[in-house]
């Protein structure tokens, strides 16, 4: 049986004889691995971040599939020519290929729309990665809860293990594992980001240090509740390269 579906290429691995193993998150079947021979016609298929439509043959009890036909659904205008955007997109692709699995049409559409937004963004996208991870957690059912009005309760902290905002007035002895408690400043910024859409990022200005700190805490949060991301060395390497 042949299936035609939209997909986002997350990663490709050189195999042998000029061929590749390509991981694609598809709208109809979730995360799949494809065997792709490197030809001019199929060159777009093994390029990470490509948004495309593919037709493949589904076989029962198979974890590797062959692509019958493919074509690009969206041509990036700026992302592939902007080193900062490439860094952001590749790091997020590394995260996604570890986190994604079964079909989730809401997540698929979110990923496609997010990469398109990043492609066209002219400025104010320095916090894109953090907002992307926050929205990803919301759609995946991992949204932290319990936050009160920060104007009235400014000393709240995010408990990464419980996925819960708690009062920072609690004595350390009352906290089972203080190492999972996010500092007040980062907790506030995570909450603020959770109230925004990508188009609202232009209203924010924070330091690179704080931005990086929030990113690290979000990776830790996802590692606790979904899959281990902190052991992915490529994320650290990519952040240091750019």
Foldseek 3Di string as FASTA:
>chain_A
DKDKWKWFWLAWDDDPPQKIWTWIQTQPWGTAIEIGHDDPQCPQVHDHGFIKMWMWDDDPPDRYTYTPHMDGPDDQDAQVPDLVSVLLRNLVSLVDVQFMDGHDNVLRVLSVVLNNCSSPDPDLCLLVNLLSLQVSCVSVVNAQDADDPCVVQVQWWQQLQVSYIDHPPDDPVVDPDCVRTHGSVLRVVSVVSNVDDSVCSVVDDDDPVSSVVNSVSSQVSCCNPTNRDVPPVVSVVSVVVD
